[in-house]
C-alpha atoms as a PDB file:
ATOM      1  CA  UNK A   1     144.655 169.739 137.523  1.00  0.00           C
ATOM      2  CA  UNK A   2     148.366 169.051 137.030  1.00  0.00           C
ATOM      3  CA  UNK A   3     149.337 169.655 140.636  1.00  0.00           C
ATOM      4  CA  UNK A   4     148.491 166.519 142.598  1.00  0.00           C
ATOM      5  CA  UNK A   5     150.566 164.103 140.465  1.00  0.00           C
ATOM      6  CA  UNK A   6     153.416 166.576 140.194  1.00  0.00           C
ATOM      7  CA  UNK A   7     153.621 167.125 143.919  1.00  0.00           C
ATOM      8  CA  UNK A   8     153.350 163.403 144.525  1.00  0.00           C
ATOM      9  CA  UNK A   9     156.410 162.738 142.385  1.00  0.00           C
ATOM     10  CA  UNK A  10     158.110 165.957 143.392  1.00  0.00           C
ATOM     11  CA  UNK A  11     159.929 166.099 140.069  1.00  0.00           C
ATOM     12  CA  UNK A  12     159.676 169.846 139.901  1.00  0.00           C
ATOM     13  CA  UNK A  13     161.317 170.279 143.304  1.00  0.00           C
ATOM     14  CA  UNK A  14     164.058 167.823 142.407  1.00  0.00           C
ATOM     15  CA  UNK A  15     164.750 169.687 139.166  1.00  0.00           C
ATOM     16  CA  UNK A  16     164.769 173.096 140.828  1.00  0.00           C
ATOM     17  CA  UNK A  17     166.419 172.434 144.196  1.00  0.00           C
ATOM     18  CA  UNK A  18     168.044 169.026 143.865  1.00  0.00           C
ATOM     19  CA  UNK A  19     168.421 166.814 146.931  1.00  0.00           C
ATOM     20  CA  UNK A  20     169.234 169.671 149.295  1.00  0.00           C
ATOM     21  CA  UNK A  21     165.590 170.089 150.456  1.00  0.00           C
ATOM     22  CA  UNK A  22     162.936 167.847 151.920  1.00  0.00           C
ATOM     23  CA  UNK A  23     160.193 167.994 149.317  1.00  0.00           C
ATOM     24  CA  UNK A  24     157.819 166.024 151.553  1.00  0.00           C
ATOM     25  CA  UNK A  25     157.365 169.214 153.573  1.00  0.00           C
ATOM     26  CA  UNK A  26     155.300 170.630 150.711  1.00  0.00           C
ATOM     27  CA  UNK A  27     152.817 167.768 150.889  1.00  0.00           C
ATOM     28  CA  UNK A  28     152.620 168.223 154.650  1.00  0.00           C
ATOM     29  CA  UNK A  29     151.892 171.934 154.230  1.00  0.00           C
ATOM     30  CA  UNK A  30     149.206 171.237 151.651  1.00  0.00           C
ATOM     31  CA  UNK A  31     147.495 168.636 153.840  1.00  0.00           C
ATOM     32  CA  UNK A  32     147.548 170.671 157.057  1.00  0.00           C
ATOM     33  CA  UNK A  33     146.294 173.918 155.555  1.00  0.00           C
ATOM     34  CA  UNK A  34     143.679 172.076 153.502  1.00  0.00           C
ATOM     35  CA  UNK A  35     142.216 170.686 156.724  1.00  0.00           C
ATOM     36  CA  UNK A  36     142.353 174.101 158.377  1.00  0.00           C
ATOM     37  CA  UNK A  37     140.717 175.695 155.320  1.00  0.00           C
ATOM     38  CA  UNK A  38     137.807 173.258 155.479  1.00  0.00           C
ATOM     39  CA  UNK A  39     137.166 174.132 159.110  1.00  0.00           C
ATOM     40  CA  UNK A  40     137.452 177.888 158.605  1.00  0.00           C
ATOM     41  CA  UNK A  41     135.540 178.297 155.346  1.00  0.00           C
ATOM     42  CA  UNK A  42     132.919 175.750 156.369  1.00  0.00           C
ATOM     43  CA  UNK A  43     132.065 177.979 159.323  1.00  0.00           C
ATOM     44  CA  UNK A  44     132.217 181.126 157.173  1.00  0.00           C
ATOM     45  CA  UNK A  45     129.856 179.587 154.591  1.00  0.00           C
ATOM     46  CA  UNK A  46     127.246 179.032 157.314  1.00  0.00           C
ATOM     47  CA  UNK A  47     126.822 182.802 157.606  1.00  0.00           C
ATOM     48  CA  UNK A  48     126.543 183.475 153.853  1.00  0.00           C
ATOM     49  CA  UNK A  49     122.987 183.125 152.530  1.00  0.00           C
ATOM     50  CA  UNK A  50     121.900 181.268 149.421  1.00  0.00           C
ATOM     51  CA  UNK A  51     123.834 181.229 146.188  1.00  0.00           C
ATOM     52  CA  UNK A  52     126.203 183.946 147.418  1.00  0.00           C
ATOM     53  CA  UNK A  53     128.375 181.093 148.704  1.00  0.00           C
ATOM     54  CA  UNK A  54     129.557 180.944 145.095  1.00  0.00           C
ATOM     55  CA  UNK A  55     131.722 183.987 145.765  1.00  0.00           C
ATOM     56  CA  UNK A  56     133.760 181.931 148.243  1.00  0.00           C
ATOM     57  CA  UNK A  57     134.273 179.402 145.479  1.00  0.00           C
ATOM     58  CA  UNK A  58     135.327 182.193 143.133  1.00  0.00           C
ATOM     59  CA  UNK A  59     137.895 183.347 145.694  1.00  0.00           C
ATOM     60  CA  UNK A  60     139.271 179.836 146.099  1.00  0.00           C
ATOM     61  CA  UNK A  61     139.520 179.361 142.326  1.00  0.00           C
ATOM     62  CA  UNK A  62     141.317 182.667 141.937  1.00  0.00           C
ATOM     63  CA  UNK A  63     143.915 181.917 144.610  1.00  0.00           C
ATOM     64  CA  UNK A  64     144.444 178.310 143.476  1.00  0.00           C
ATOM     65  CA  UNK A  65     145.082 179.499 139.925  1.00  0.00           C
ATOM     66  CA  UNK A  66     147.339 182.314 141.095  1.00  0.00           C
ATOM     67  CA  UNK A  67     149.351 180.046 143.402  1.00  0.00           C
ATOM     68  CA  UNK A  68     149.765 177.521 140.590  1.00  0.00           C
ATOM     69  CA  UNK A  69     151.329 180.190 138.434  1.00  0.00           C
ATOM     70  CA  UNK A  70     153.529 181.314 141.326  1.00  0.00           C
ATOM     71  CA  UNK A  71     155.207 177.914 141.704  1.00  0.00           C
ATOM     72  CA  UNK A  72     157.667 178.342 138.790  1.00  0.00           C
ATOM     73  CA  UNK A  73     158.531 181.831 140.035  1.00  0.00           C
ATOM     74  CA  UNK A  74     159.679 180.551 143.443  1.00  0.00           C
ATOM     75  CA  UNK A  75     163.458 180.137 143.381  1.00  0.00           C
ATOM     76  CA  UNK A  76     163.649 179.882 147.179  1.00  0.00           C
ATOM     77  CA  UNK A  77     162.271 176.823 148.939  1.00  0.00           C
ATOM     78  CA  UNK A  78     160.692 178.954 151.649  1.00  0.00           C
ATOM     79  CA  UNK A  79     158.676 180.802 149.001  1.00  0.00           C
ATOM     80  CA  UNK A  80     157.449 177.492 147.636  1.00  0.00           C
ATOM     81  CA  UNK A  81     156.328 176.490 151.128  1.00  0.00           C
ATOM     82  CA  UNK A  82     154.357 179.743 151.456  1.00  0.00           C
ATOM     83  CA  UNK A  83     152.680 179.094 148.090  1.00  0.00           C
ATOM     84  CA  UNK A  84     151.714 175.577 149.177  1.00  0.00           C
ATOM     85  CA  UNK A  85     150.290 176.872 152.452  1.00  0.00           C
ATOM     86  CA  UNK A  86     147.974 179.282 150.633  1.00  0.00           C
ATOM     87  CA  UNK A  87     147.087 176.703 148.003  1.00  0.00           C
ATOM     88  CA  UNK A  88     146.129 174.135 150.631  1.00  0.00           C
ATOM     89  CA  UNK A  89     144.027 176.681 152.499  1.00  0.00           C
ATOM     90  CA  UNK A  90     141.912 177.548 149.472  1.00  0.00           C
ATOM     91  CA  UNK A  91     141.820 173.936 148.320  1.00  0.00           C
ATOM     92  CA  UNK A  92     140.069 173.229 151.618  1.00  0.00           C
ATOM     93  CA  UNK A  93     137.659 176.062 150.858  1.00  0.00           C
ATOM     94  CA  UNK A  94     136.874 174.574 147.460  1.00  0.00           C
ATOM     95  CA  UNK A  95     136.238 171.093 148.848  1.00  0.00           C
ATOM     96  CA  UNK A  96     134.096 172.025 151.842  1.00  0.00           C
ATOM     97  CA  UNK A  97     131.621 174.351 150.103  1.00  0.00           C
ATOM     98  CA  UNK A  98     131.178 172.356 146.898  1.00  0.00           C
ATOM     99  CA  UNK A  99     128.219 170.385 148.282  1.00  0.00           C
ATOM    100  CA  UNK A 100     126.469 173.378 149.970  1.00  0.00           C
ATOM    101  CA  UNK A 101     126.650 175.358 146.738  1.00  0.00           C
ATOM    102  CA  UNK A 102     125.153 172.467 144.770  1.00  0.00           C
ATOM    103  CA  UNK A 103     122.384 172.202 147.371  1.00  0.00           C
ATOM    104  CA  UNK A 104     121.584 175.912 147.135  1.00  0.00           C
ATOM    105  CA  UNK A 105     121.507 175.925 143.325  1.00  0.00           C
ATOM    106  CA  UNK A 106     119.593 172.737 142.493  1.00  0.00           C
ATOM    107  CA  UNK A 107     117.823 171.828 145.730  1.00  0.00           C
ATOM    108  CA  UNK A 108     117.831 168.707 147.880  1.00  0.00           C
ATOM    109  CA  UNK A 109     116.196 166.527 145.237  1.00  0.00           C
ATOM    110  CA  UNK A 110     118.916 166.937 142.590  1.00  0.00           C
ATOM    111  CA  UNK A 111     121.977 167.648 144.741  1.00  0.00           C
ATOM    112  CA  UNK A 112     123.436 164.134 144.479  1.00  0.00           C
ATOM    113  CA  UNK A 113     123.152 164.222 140.705  1.00  0.00           C
ATOM    114  CA  UNK A 114     124.763 167.675 140.561  1.00  0.00           C
ATOM    115  CA  UNK A 115     127.728 166.609 142.724  1.00  0.00           C
ATOM    116  CA  UNK A 116     128.212 163.453 140.661  1.00  0.00           C
ATOM    117  CA  UNK A 117     128.115 165.508 137.472  1.00  0.00           C
ATOM    118  CA  UNK A 118     130.694 167.919 138.917  1.00  0.00           C
ATOM    119  CA  UNK A 119     133.031 165.146 140.061  1.00  0.00           C
ATOM    120  CA  UNK A 120     132.731 163.502 136.659  1.00  0.00           C
ATOM    121  CA  UNK A 121     133.885 166.686 134.955  1.00  0.00           C
ATOM    122  CA  UNK A 122     136.708 167.089 137.478  1.00  0.00           C
ATOM    123  CA  UNK A 123     137.973 163.609 136.630  1.00  0.00           C
ATOM    124  CA  UNK A 124     138.691 164.655 133.030  1.00  0.00           C
ATOM    125  CA  UNK A 125     141.511 167.157 133.768  1.00  0.00           C
ATOM    126  CA  UNK A 126     142.739 164.981 136.634  1.00  0.00           C
ATOM    127  CA  UNK A 127     143.185 162.130 134.154  1.00  0.00           C
ATOM    128  CA  UNK A 128     144.378 164.032 131.100  1.00  0.00           C
ATOM    129  CA  UNK A 129     146.489 166.647 132.913  1.00  0.00           C
ATOM    130  CA  UNK A 130     149.426 164.551 134.177  1.00  0.00           C
ATOM    131  CA  UNK A 131     150.307 163.037 130.755  1.00  0.00           C
ATOM    132  CA  UNK A 132     150.165 166.484 129.185  1.00  0.00           C
ATOM    133  CA  UNK A 133     152.378 167.891 131.938  1.00  0.00           C
ATOM    134  CA  UNK A 134     154.850 165.044 131.417  1.00  0.00           C
ATOM    135  CA  UNK A 135     154.841 165.645 127.682  1.00  0.00           C
ATOM    136  CA  UNK A 136     155.548 169.337 128.180  1.00  0.00           C
ATOM    137  CA  UNK A 137     158.385 168.495 130.546  1.00  0.00           C
ATOM    138  CA  UNK A 138     159.920 166.102 128.022  1.00  0.00           C
ATOM    139  CA  UNK A 139     159.695 168.688 125.256  1.00  0.00           C
ATOM    140  CA  UNK A 140     160.705 171.777 127.221  1.00  0.00           C
ATOM    141  CA  UNK A 141     162.864 170.277 129.951  1.00  0.00           C
ATOM    142  CA  UNK A 142     160.882 171.940 132.747  1.00  0.00           C
ATOM    143  CA  UNK A 143     157.458 171.859 134.398  1.00  0.00           C
ATOM    144  CA  UNK A 144     157.133 175.646 134.393  1.00  0.00           C
ATOM    145  CA  UNK A 145     154.776 175.830 131.416  1.00  0.00           C
ATOM    146  CA  UNK A 146     152.641 173.048 132.896  1.00  0.00           C
ATOM    147  CA  UNK A 147     152.185 175.040 136.101  1.00  0.00           C
ATOM    148  CA  UNK A 148     151.334 178.191 134.167  1.00  0.00           C
ATOM    149  CA  UNK A 149     148.730 176.282 132.156  1.00  0.00           C
ATOM    150  CA  UNK A 150     147.372 174.678 135.333  1.00  0.00           C
ATOM    151  CA  UNK A 151     146.590 178.131 136.696  1.00  0.00           C
ATOM    152  CA  UNK A 152     144.546 179.251 133.701  1.00  0.00           C
ATOM    153  CA  UNK A 153     141.404 177.044 134.089  1.00  0.00           C
ATOM    154  CA  UNK A 154     140.735 178.074 137.727  1.00  0.00           C
ATOM    155  CA  UNK A 155     140.957 181.742 136.786  1.00  0.00           C
ATOM    156  CA  UNK A 156     138.565 181.288 133.863  1.00  0.00           C
ATOM    157  CA  UNK A 157     136.240 179.112 135.936  1.00  0.00           C
ATOM    158  CA  UNK A 158     136.187 181.684 138.732  1.00  0.00           C
ATOM    159  CA  UNK A 159     135.284 184.451 136.282  1.00  0.00           C
ATOM    160  CA  UNK A 160     132.405 182.369 134.918  1.00  0.00           C
ATOM    161  CA  UNK A 161     131.194 181.482 138.413  1.00  0.00           C
ATOM    162  CA  UNK A 162     130.732 185.183 139.187  1.00  0.00           C
ATOM    163  CA  UNK A 163     127.604 185.145 137.011  1.00  0.00           C
ATOM    164  CA  UNK A 164     126.014 182.140 138.758  1.00  0.00           C
ATOM    165  CA  UNK A 165     124.293 184.086 141.602  1.00  0.00           C
ATOM    166  CA  UNK A 166     122.852 186.536 139.062  1.00  0.00           C
ATOM    167  CA  UNK A 167     121.524 183.729 136.849  1.00  0.00           C
ATOM    168  CA  UNK A 168     120.155 181.900 139.883  1.00  0.00           C
ATOM    169  CA  UNK A 169     118.347 185.006 141.112  1.00  0.00           C
ATOM    170  CA  UNK A 170     116.763 185.591 137.694  1.00  0.00           C
ATOM    171  CA  UNK A 171     115.602 181.969 137.631  1.00  0.00           C
ATOM    172  CA  UNK A 172     114.027 182.334 141.081  1.00  0.00           C
ATOM    173  CA  UNK A 173     112.245 185.533 140.007  1.00  0.00           C
ATOM    174  CA  UNK A 174     110.795 183.743 136.963  1.00  0.00           C
ATOM    175  CA  UNK A 175     109.614 180.872 139.141  1.00  0.00           C
ATOM    176  CA  UNK A 176     107.936 183.301 141.524  1.00  0.00           C
ATOM    177  CA  UNK A 177     106.274 185.121 138.629  1.00  0.00           C
ATOM    178  CA  UNK A 178     104.917 181.832 137.286  1.00  0.00           C
ATOM    179  CA  UNK A 179     103.608 180.915 140.727  1.00  0.00           C
ATOM    180  CA  UNK A 180     101.906 184.291 141.153  1.00  0.00           C
ATOM    181  CA  UNK A 181     100.377 184.084 137.675  1.00  0.00           C
ATOM    182  CA  UNK A 182      99.107 180.575 138.380  1.00  0.00           C
ATOM    183  CA  UNK A 183      97.559 181.598 141.684  1.00  0.00           C
ATOM    184  CA  UNK A 184      95.970 184.668 140.073  1.00  0.00           C
ATOM    185  CA  UNK A 185      94.477 182.569 137.265  1.00  0.00           C
ATOM    186  CA  UNK A 186      93.172 180.016 139.765  1.00  0.00           C
ATOM    187  CA  UNK A 187      91.532 182.729 141.865  1.00  0.00           C
ATOM    188  CA  UNK A 188      89.945 184.263 138.759  1.00  0.00           C
ATOM    189  CA  UNK A 189      88.491 180.888 137.777  1.00  0.00           C
ATOM    190  CA  UNK A 190      87.170 180.382 141.295  1.00  0.00           C
ATOM    191  CA  UNK A 191      85.542 183.826 141.244  1.00  0.00           C
ATOM    192  CA  UNK A 192      83.966 183.158 137.842  1.00  0.00           C
ATOM    193  CA  UNK A 193      82.576 179.816 138.993  1.00  0.00           C
ATOM    194  CA  UNK A 194      81.185 181.488 142.117  1.00  0.00           C
ATOM    195  CA  UNK A 195      79.471 184.192 140.040  1.00  0.00           C
ATOM    196  CA  UNK A 196      77.997 181.596 137.669  1.00  0.00           C
ATOM    197  CA  UNK A 197      76.640 179.516 140.526  1.00  0.00           C
ATOM    198  CA  UNK A 198      75.167 182.618 142.205  1.00  0.00           C
ATOM    199  CA  UNK A 199      73.540 183.674 138.948  1.00  0.00           C
ATOM    200  CA  UNK A 200      72.011 180.199 138.517  1.00  0.00           C
ATOM    201  CA  UNK A 201      70.675 180.122 142.076  1.00  0.00           C
ATOM    202  CA  UNK A 202      68.931 183.531 141.886  1.00  0.00           C
ATOM    203  CA  UNK A 203      66.103 182.526 139.481  1.00  0.00           C
ATOM    204  CA  UNK A 204      65.412 179.406 141.524  1.00  0.00           C
ATOM    205  CA  UNK A 205      65.108 181.403 144.715  1.00  0.00           C
ATOM    206  CA  UNK A 206      62.861 183.973 142.994  1.00  0.00           C
ATOM    207  CA  UNK A 207      60.560 181.226 141.712  1.00  0.00           C
ATOM    208  CA  UNK A 208      60.358 179.652 145.158  1.00  0.00           C
ATOM    209  CA  UNK A 209      59.548 182.983 146.771  1.00  0.00           C
ATOM    210  CA  UNK A 210      56.881 183.692 144.134  1.00  0.00           C
ATOM    211  CA  UNK A 211      55.236 180.334 144.776  1.00  0.00           C
END
């Protein structure tokens, strides 16, 4: 993601608005609404069963990507504040339900590995993104293209995430079918062993009764 380093340096705001605005307000808006978003969406996620929590993540990805693309369009500082408020809100949603979603998809045994794997992948764009954004700014003289590009991966990721509940449900159905087949086979074997033992006991009982 290009946004954290760019907002930390506030180069985009300086280029667009100069020294006439307090760019630190944007960071304040992001932080406050991110905290509020974690409280709100954490409570909302408690009422959503199973892997359907993924749809909250899809919503957060969609709005984060959309707000990223809206930043270059804002030529009024108040509009930029509104964008940051929404972005912080859904950033809080993304952060707070990441672990519950991992728990629902892989279970308690593998959840730590899944979260570590996710954070490892997140570190790649966080590391590579800022130099690319700086390079684009040096070549084009503006961060606008960097913000547009920053909005594309969340939109694509959100579209892909829409299929996760469907895939998860199919996997659960296969697991249930395997369990049912295993139980059926075990019961059949038990019944066969019972019939064999009964058939072996009958001649012995007949001989004893004849004696």
